[in-house]
Structure formats: structure tokens, C-alpha cells
PDB file of all heavy atoms in Angstrom:
ATOM      1  N   LEU A   1       0.876  -1.196   0.022  1.00  0.00           N
ATOM      2  CA  LEU A   1       0.040  -0.001  -0.019  1.00  0.00           C
ATOM      3  C   LEU A   1       0.897   1.235   0.027  1.00  0.00           C
ATOM      4  O   LEU A   1       1.857   1.305   0.813  1.00  0.00           O
ATOM      5  CB  LEU A   1      -0.930   0.042   1.230  1.00  0.00           C
ATOM      6  CG  LEU A   1      -1.902  -1.168   1.333  1.00  0.00           C
ATOM      7  CD1 LEU A   1      -2.441  -1.241   2.740  1.00  0.00           C
ATOM      8  CD2 LEU A   1      -3.085  -0.888   0.378  1.00  0.00           C
ATOM      9  N   GLY A   2       0.647   2.138  -0.928  1.00  0.00           N
ATOM     10  CA  GLY A   2       1.568   3.294  -1.046  1.00  0.00           C
ATOM     11  C   GLY A   2       0.872   4.592  -0.981  1.00  0.00           C
ATOM     12  O   GLY A   2      -0.334   4.685  -1.401  1.00  0.00           O
ATOM     13  N   CYS A   3       1.459   5.649  -0.465  1.00  0.00           N
ATOM     14  CA  CYS A   3       0.928   6.962  -0.393  1.00  0.00           C
ATOM     15  C   CYS A   3       1.563   7.819  -1.542  1.00  0.00           C
ATOM     16  O   CYS A   3       2.788   7.903  -1.593  1.00  0.00           O
ATOM     17  CB  CYS A   3       1.244   7.662   0.966  1.00  0.00           C
ATOM     18  SG  CYS A   3       0.688   9.329   1.117  1.00  0.00           S
ATOM     19  N   ALA A   4       0.715   8.425  -2.273  1.00  0.00           N
ATOM     20  CA  ALA A   4       1.157   9.244  -3.416  1.00  0.00           C
ATOM     21  C   ALA A   4       1.799  10.586  -2.907  1.00  0.00           C
ATOM     22  O   ALA A   4       2.593  11.190  -3.655  1.00  0.00           O
ATOM     23  CB  ALA A   4       0.020   9.570  -4.397  1.00  0.00           C
ATOM     24  N   ASN A   5       1.425  10.957  -1.714  1.00  0.00           N
ATOM     25  CA  ASN A   5       1.964  12.183  -1.139  1.00  0.00           C
ATOM     26  C   ASN A   5       3.367  12.105  -0.574  1.00  0.00           C
ATOM     27  O   ASN A   5       4.258  12.786  -0.975  1.00  0.00           O
ATOM     28  CB  ASN A   5       0.995  12.749  -0.099  1.00  0.00           C
ATOM     29  CG  ASN A   5       1.351  14.130   0.404  1.00  0.00           C
ATOM     30  OD1 ASN A   5       1.622  15.017  -0.361  1.00  0.00           O
ATOM     31  ND2 ASN A   5       1.533  14.212   1.707  1.00  0.00           N
ATOM     32  N   CYS A   6       3.574  11.206   0.397  1.00  0.00           N
ATOM     33  CA  CYS A   6       4.820  11.055   1.035  1.00  0.00           C
ATOM     34  C   CYS A   6       5.719  10.004   0.602  1.00  0.00           C
ATOM     35  O   CYS A   6       6.811   9.804   0.934  1.00  0.00           O
ATOM     36  CB  CYS A   6       4.644  10.914   2.628  1.00  0.00           C
ATOM     37  SG  CYS A   6       3.892   9.317   3.145  1.00  0.00           S
ATOM     38  N   ARG A   7       5.131   9.201  -0.354  1.00  0.00           N
ATOM     39  CA  ARG A   7       5.852   8.077  -1.001  1.00  0.00           C
ATOM     40  C   ARG A   7       6.125   6.847  -0.071  1.00  0.00           C
ATOM     41  O   ARG A   7       6.872   5.983  -0.390  1.00  0.00           O
ATOM     42  CB  ARG A   7       7.075   8.498  -1.698  1.00  0.00           C
ATOM     43  CG  ARG A   7       6.923   9.599  -2.616  1.00  0.00           C
ATOM     44  CD  ARG A   7       6.395   9.134  -3.983  1.00  0.00           C
ATOM     45  NE  ARG A   7       6.404  10.140  -4.975  1.00  0.00           N
ATOM     46  CZ  ARG A   7       5.380  10.558  -5.634  1.00  0.00           C
ATOM     47  NH1 ARG A   7       4.216  10.017  -5.438  1.00  0.00           N
ATOM     48  NH2 ARG A   7       5.459  11.511  -6.539  1.00  0.00           N
ATOM     49  N   GLU A   8       5.602   6.877   1.210  1.00  0.00           N
ATOM     50  CA  GLU A   8       5.798   5.786   2.089  1.00  0.00           C
ATOM     51  C   GLU A   8       5.084   4.500   1.582  1.00  0.00           C
ATOM     52  O   GLU A   8       3.949   4.644   0.977  1.00  0.00           O
ATOM     53  CB  GLU A   8       5.198   6.164   3.469  1.00  0.00           C
ATOM     54  CG  GLU A   8       5.523   5.189   4.550  1.00  0.00           C
ATOM     55  CD  GLU A   8       6.984   5.154   4.935  1.00  0.00           C
ATOM     56  OE1 GLU A   8       7.660   6.150   4.948  1.00  0.00           O
ATOM     57  OE2 GLU A   8       7.495   3.961   5.181  1.00  0.00           O
ATOM     58  N   GLN A   9       5.592   3.410   1.791  1.00  0.00           N
ATOM     59  CA  GLN A   9       5.015   2.126   1.423  1.00  0.00           C
ATOM     60  C   GLN A   9       4.836   1.198   2.633  1.00  0.00           C
ATOM     61  O   GLN A   9       5.662   1.225   3.510  1.00  0.00           O
ATOM     62  CB  GLN A   9       5.864   1.414   0.331  1.00  0.00           C
ATOM     63  CG  GLN A   9       5.846   2.148  -0.963  1.00  0.00           C
ATOM     64  CD  GLN A   9       6.512   1.347  -2.053  1.00  0.00           C
ATOM     65  OE1 GLN A   9       6.739   0.131  -1.917  1.00  0.00           O
ATOM     66  NE2 GLN A   9       6.792   2.031  -3.250  1.00  0.00           N
ATOM     67  N   TYR A  10       3.703   0.495   2.665  1.00  0.00           N
ATOM     68  CA  TYR A  10       3.389  -0.381   3.710  1.00  0.00           C
ATOM     69  C   TYR A  10       3.108  -1.789   3.132  1.00  0.00           C
ATOM     70  O   TYR A  10       2.342  -1.856   2.185  1.00  0.00           O
ATOM     71  CB  TYR A  10       2.074   0.153   4.401  1.00  0.00           C
ATOM     72  CG  TYR A  10       2.287   1.511   4.864  1.00  0.00           C
ATOM     73  CD1 TYR A  10       1.814   2.559   4.164  1.00  0.00           C
ATOM     74  CD2 TYR A  10       2.910   1.821   6.075  1.00  0.00           C
ATOM     75  CE1 TYR A  10       1.952   3.926   4.623  1.00  0.00           C
ATOM     76  CE2 TYR A  10       3.056   3.129   6.521  1.00  0.00           C
ATOM     77  CZ  TYR A  10       2.561   4.170   5.771  1.00  0.00           C
ATOM     78  OH  TYR A  10       2.855   5.437   6.176  1.00  0.00           O
ATOM     79  N   ALA A  11       3.720  -2.749   3.717  1.00  0.00           N
ATOM     80  CA  ALA A  11       3.708  -4.168   3.205  1.00  0.00           C
ATOM     81  C   ALA A  11       2.368  -4.855   3.555  1.00  0.00           C
ATOM     82  O   ALA A  11       1.738  -4.576   4.547  1.00  0.00           O
ATOM     83  CB  ALA A  11       4.823  -4.925   3.804  1.00  0.00           C
ATOM     84  N   VAL A  12       1.964  -5.636   2.626  1.00  0.00           N
ATOM     85  CA  VAL A  12       0.830  -6.636   2.897  1.00  0.00           C
ATOM     86  C   VAL A  12       1.474  -8.014   2.654  1.00  0.00           C
ATOM     87  O   VAL A  12       1.848  -8.317   1.514  1.00  0.00           O
ATOM     88  CB  VAL A  12      -0.317  -6.429   1.884  1.00  0.00           C
ATOM     89  CG1 VAL A  12      -1.420  -7.470   2.126  1.00  0.00           C
ATOM     90  CG2 VAL A  12      -0.894  -5.019   1.980  1.00  0.00           C
ATOM     91  N   GLU A  13       1.539  -8.801   3.778  1.00  0.00           N
ATOM     92  CA  GLU A  13       2.182 -10.017   3.678  1.00  0.00           C
ATOM     93  C   GLU A  13       1.217 -11.103   4.337  1.00  0.00           C
ATOM     94  O   GLU A  13       0.782 -10.875   5.428  1.00  0.00           O
ATOM     95  CB  GLU A  13       3.521 -10.044   4.456  1.00  0.00           C
ATOM     96  CG  GLU A  13       4.514  -9.139   3.867  1.00  0.00           C
ATOM     97  CD  GLU A  13       5.714  -8.963   4.766  1.00  0.00           C
ATOM     98  OE1 GLU A  13       5.801  -9.682   5.778  1.00  0.00           O
ATOM     99  OE2 GLU A  13       6.570  -8.187   4.317  1.00  0.00           O
ATOM    100  N   ASP A  14       0.955 -12.150   3.605  1.00  0.00           N
ATOM    101  CA  ASP A  14      -0.032 -13.246   4.094  1.00  0.00           C
ATOM    102  C   ASP A  14      -1.301 -12.608   4.529  1.00  0.00           C
ATOM    103  O   ASP A  14      -1.917 -13.030   5.502  1.00  0.00           O
ATOM    104  CB  ASP A  14       0.606 -13.974   5.227  1.00  0.00           C
ATOM    105  CG  ASP A  14       1.836 -14.740   4.856  1.00  0.00           C
ATOM    106  OD1 ASP A  14       1.845 -15.258   3.702  1.00  0.00           O
ATOM    107  OD2 ASP A  14       2.832 -14.824   5.630  1.00  0.00           O
ATOM    108  N   GLY A  15      -1.841 -11.545   3.731  1.00  0.00           N
ATOM    109  CA  GLY A  15      -3.143 -10.939   4.010  1.00  0.00           C
ATOM    110  C   GLY A  15      -3.112  -9.983   5.094  1.00  0.00           C
ATOM    111  O   GLY A  15      -4.084  -9.408   5.510  1.00  0.00           O
ATOM    112  N   PHE A  16      -1.891  -9.647   5.812  1.00  0.00           N
ATOM    113  CA  PHE A  16      -1.830  -8.769   6.938  1.00  0.00           C
ATOM    114  C   PHE A  16      -1.076  -7.463   6.428  1.00  0.00           C
ATOM    115  O   PHE A  16      -0.024  -7.453   5.981  1.00  0.00           O
ATOM    116  CB  PHE A  16      -0.954  -9.403   8.027  1.00  0.00           C
ATOM    117  CG  PHE A  16      -0.786  -8.549   9.290  1.00  0.00           C
ATOM    118  CD1 PHE A  16      -1.834  -8.393  10.164  1.00  0.00           C
ATOM    119  CD2 PHE A  16       0.398  -7.927   9.551  1.00  0.00           C
ATOM    120  CE1 PHE A  16      -1.685  -7.709  11.303  1.00  0.00           C
ATOM    121  CE2 PHE A  16       0.580  -7.226  10.659  1.00  0.00           C
ATOM    122  CZ  PHE A  16      -0.498  -7.086  11.579  1.00  0.00           C
ATOM    123  N   GLY A  17      -1.884  -6.315   6.580  1.00  0.00           N
ATOM    124  CA  GLY A  17      -1.263  -5.076   6.185  1.00  0.00           C
ATOM    125  C   GLY A  17      -0.538  -4.348   7.395  1.00  0.00           C
ATOM    126  O   GLY A  17      -1.144  -4.133   8.482  1.00  0.00           O
ATOM    127  N   VAL A  18       0.682  -4.086   7.205  1.00  0.00           N
ATOM    128  CA  VAL A  18       1.507  -3.479   8.285  1.00  0.00           C
ATOM    129  C   VAL A  18       1.480  -1.944   8.108  1.00  0.00           C
ATOM    130  O   VAL A  18       2.237  -1.476   7.252  1.00  0.00           O
ATOM    131  CB  VAL A  18       2.921  -4.014   8.344  1.00  0.00           C
ATOM    132  CG1 VAL A  18       3.695  -3.407   9.439  1.00  0.00           C
ATOM    133  CG2 VAL A  18       2.884  -5.586   8.489  1.00  0.00           C
ATOM    134  N   LEU A  19       0.662  -1.140   8.850  1.00  0.00           N
ATOM    135  CA  LEU A  19       0.673   0.284   8.736  1.00  0.00           C
ATOM    136  C   LEU A  19       1.393   0.957   9.839  1.00  0.00           C
ATOM    137  O   LEU A  19       1.150   2.098  10.042  1.00  0.00           O
ATOM    138  CB  LEU A  19      -0.809   0.717   8.660  1.00  0.00           C
ATOM    139  CG  LEU A  19      -1.647   0.136   7.514  1.00  0.00           C
ATOM    140  CD1 LEU A  19      -3.051   0.751   7.546  1.00  0.00           C
ATOM    141  CD2 LEU A  19      -1.030   0.459   6.155  1.00  0.00           C
ATOM    142  N   GLY A  20       2.311   0.259  10.536  1.00  0.00           N
ATOM    143  CA  GLY A  20       2.962   0.812  11.616  1.00  0.00           C
ATOM    144  C   GLY A  20       4.026  -0.202  12.159  1.00  0.00           C
ATOM    145  O   GLY A  20       4.314  -1.099  11.445  1.00  0.00           O
ATOM    146  N   SER A  21       4.557   0.106  13.356  1.00  0.00           N
ATOM    147  CA  SER A  21       5.598  -0.814  13.917  1.00  0.00           C
ATOM    148  C   SER A  21       5.432  -0.827  15.405  1.00  0.00           C
ATOM    149  O   SER A  21       4.568  -0.144  15.980  1.00  0.00           O
ATOM    150  CB  SER A  21       6.969  -0.303  13.553  1.00  0.00           C
ATOM    151  OG  SER A  21       7.193   0.974  14.092  1.00  0.00           O
ATOM    152  N   GLY A  22       6.185  -1.682  16.064  1.00  0.00           N
ATOM    153  CA  GLY A  22       6.170  -1.738  17.462  1.00  0.00           C
ATOM    154  C   GLY A  22       5.363  -2.921  18.023  1.00  0.00           C
ATOM    155  O   GLY A  22       4.538  -2.737  18.811  1.00  0.00           O
ATOM    156  N   TRP A  23       5.583  -4.126  17.401  1.00  0.00           N
ATOM    157  CA  TRP A  23       4.672  -5.246  17.785  1.00  0.00           C
ATOM    158  C   TRP A  23       5.216  -6.020  18.922  1.00  0.00           C
ATOM    159  O   TRP A  23       6.333  -6.577  18.871  1.00  0.00           O
ATOM    160  CB  TRP A  23       4.620  -6.225  16.569  1.00  0.00           C
ATOM    161  CG  TRP A  23       4.137  -5.498  15.403  1.00  0.00           C
ATOM    162  CD1 TRP A  23       4.827  -5.124  14.267  1.00  0.00           C
ATOM    163  CD2 TRP A  23       2.832  -4.970  15.174  1.00  0.00           C
ATOM    164  NE1 TRP A  23       4.014  -4.483  13.401  1.00  0.00           N
ATOM    165  CE2 TRP A  23       2.805  -4.274  13.936  1.00  0.00           C
ATOM    166  CE3 TRP A  23       1.686  -4.893  15.921  1.00  0.00           C
ATOM    167  CZ2 TRP A  23       1.691  -3.604  13.466  1.00  0.00           C
ATOM    168  CZ3 TRP A  23       0.596  -4.239  15.484  1.00  0.00           C
ATOM    169  CH2 TRP A  23       0.630  -3.636  14.204  1.00  0.00           C
ATOM    170  N   SER A  24       4.510  -6.101  20.060  1.00  0.00           N
ATOM    171  CA  SER A  24       4.811  -6.969  21.117  1.00  0.00           C
ATOM    172  C   SER A  24       3.730  -6.882  22.202  1.00  0.00           C
ATOM    173  O   SER A  24       3.413  -5.881  22.772  1.00  0.00           O
ATOM    174  CB  SER A  24       6.088  -6.635  21.837  1.00  0.00           C
ATOM    175  OG  SER A  24       6.016  -5.298  22.457  1.00  0.00           O
ATOM    176  N   SER A  25       3.038  -7.983  22.365  1.00  0.00           N
ATOM    177  CA  SER A  25       1.871  -8.096  23.292  1.00  0.00           C
ATOM    178  C   SER A  25       1.580  -9.528  23.527  1.00  0.00           C
ATOM    179  O   SER A  25       1.807 -10.340  22.736  1.00  0.00           O
ATOM    180  CB  SER A  25       0.696  -7.349  22.709  1.00  0.00           C
ATOM    181  OG  SER A  25      -0.378  -7.405  23.565  1.00  0.00           O
ATOM    182  N   GLU A  26       0.974  -9.802  24.621  1.00  0.00           N
ATOM    183  CA  GLU A  26       0.468 -11.163  24.983  1.00  0.00           C
ATOM    184  C   GLU A  26      -0.822 -11.363  24.312  1.00  0.00           C
ATOM    185  O   GLU A  26      -1.704 -10.501  24.433  1.00  0.00           O
ATOM    186  CB  GLU A  26       0.362 -11.313  26.512  1.00  0.00           C
ATOM    187  CG  GLU A  26       1.639 -11.276  27.214  1.00  0.00           C
ATOM    188  CD  GLU A  26       2.481 -12.580  26.926  1.00  0.00           C
ATOM    189  OE1 GLU A  26       1.897 -13.612  26.791  1.00  0.00           O
ATOM    190  OE2 GLU A  26       3.630 -12.398  26.758  1.00  0.00           O
ATOM    191  N   PRO A  27      -0.966 -12.441  23.629  1.00  0.00           N
ATOM    192  CA  PRO A  27      -2.229 -12.702  22.963  1.00  0.00           C
ATOM    193  C   PRO A  27      -3.402 -12.962  23.965  1.00  0.00           C
ATOM    194  O   PRO A  27      -3.148 -13.575  24.947  1.00  0.00           O
ATOM    195  CB  PRO A  27      -1.997 -13.951  22.096  1.00  0.00           C
ATOM    196  CG  PRO A  27      -0.748 -14.579  22.602  1.00  0.00           C
ATOM    197  CD  PRO A  27      -0.030 -13.476  23.328  1.00  0.00           C
ATOM    198  N   ARG A  28      -4.585 -12.458  23.679  1.00  0.00           N
ATOM    199  CA  ARG A  28      -5.740 -12.670  24.500  1.00  0.00           C
ATOM    200  C   ARG A  28      -6.544 -13.794  23.869  1.00  0.00           C
ATOM    201  O   ARG A  28      -6.451 -14.075  22.660  1.00  0.00           O
ATOM    202  CB  ARG A  28      -6.558 -11.389  24.614  1.00  0.00           C
ATOM    203  CG  ARG A  28      -5.766 -10.224  25.067  1.00  0.00           C
ATOM    204  CD  ARG A  28      -6.355  -9.623  26.221  1.00  0.00           C
ATOM    205  NE  ARG A  28      -5.667  -8.412  26.612  1.00  0.00           N
ATOM    206  CZ  ARG A  28      -4.741  -8.324  27.549  1.00  0.00           C
ATOM    207  NH1 ARG A  28      -4.421  -9.352  28.304  1.00  0.00           N
ATOM    208  NH2 ARG A  28      -4.210  -7.149  27.870  1.00  0.00           N
ATOM    209  N   GLN A  29      -7.499 -14.297  24.614  1.00  0.00           N
ATOM    210  CA  GLN A  29      -8.415 -15.411  24.112  1.00  0.00           C
ATOM    211  C   GLN A  29      -9.786 -14.832  23.789  1.00  0.00           C
ATOM    212  O   GLN A  29     -10.300 -14.044  24.547  1.00  0.00           O
ATOM    213  CB  GLN A  29      -8.463 -16.536  25.188  1.00  0.00           C
ATOM    214  CG  GLN A  29      -7.182 -17.192  25.451  1.00  0.00           C
ATOM    215  CD  GLN A  29      -6.541 -17.825  24.225  1.00  0.00           C
ATOM    216  OE1 GLN A  29      -7.260 -18.512  23.469  1.00  0.00           O
ATOM    217  NE2 GLN A  29      -5.273 -17.631  24.022  1.00  0.00           N
ATOM    218  N   PRO A  30     -10.436 -15.274  22.678  1.00  0.00           N
ATOM    219  CA  PRO A  30     -11.746 -14.838  22.415  1.00  0.00           C
ATOM    220  C   PRO A  30     -12.758 -15.361  23.412  1.00  0.00           C
ATOM    221  O   PRO A  30     -12.526 -16.444  23.995  1.00  0.00           O
ATOM    222  CB  PRO A  30     -12.009 -15.390  20.976  1.00  0.00           C
ATOM    223  CG  PRO A  30     -10.938 -16.420  20.723  1.00  0.00           C
ATOM    224  CD  PRO A  30      -9.868 -16.172  21.653  1.00  0.00           C
TER     225      PRO A  30
END
């Protein structure tokens, strides 16, 4: 996914779009 204004690009991998960073958390249960 890309922005025409700032030219930043965000990956889509295995159907997951990464629009930021800083991943770390304990998973919760539904």
C-alpha cells in the first residue's frame, strides 16, 4: 500500500497489512 503524497510504502504479507511498527503483546483469548 503506497501513499502518493509522502511516498511511504506499507507491506501486505500473508493478508496482513502493516501500517505501523512496534509489535509486542501477550495474545488474549476470544
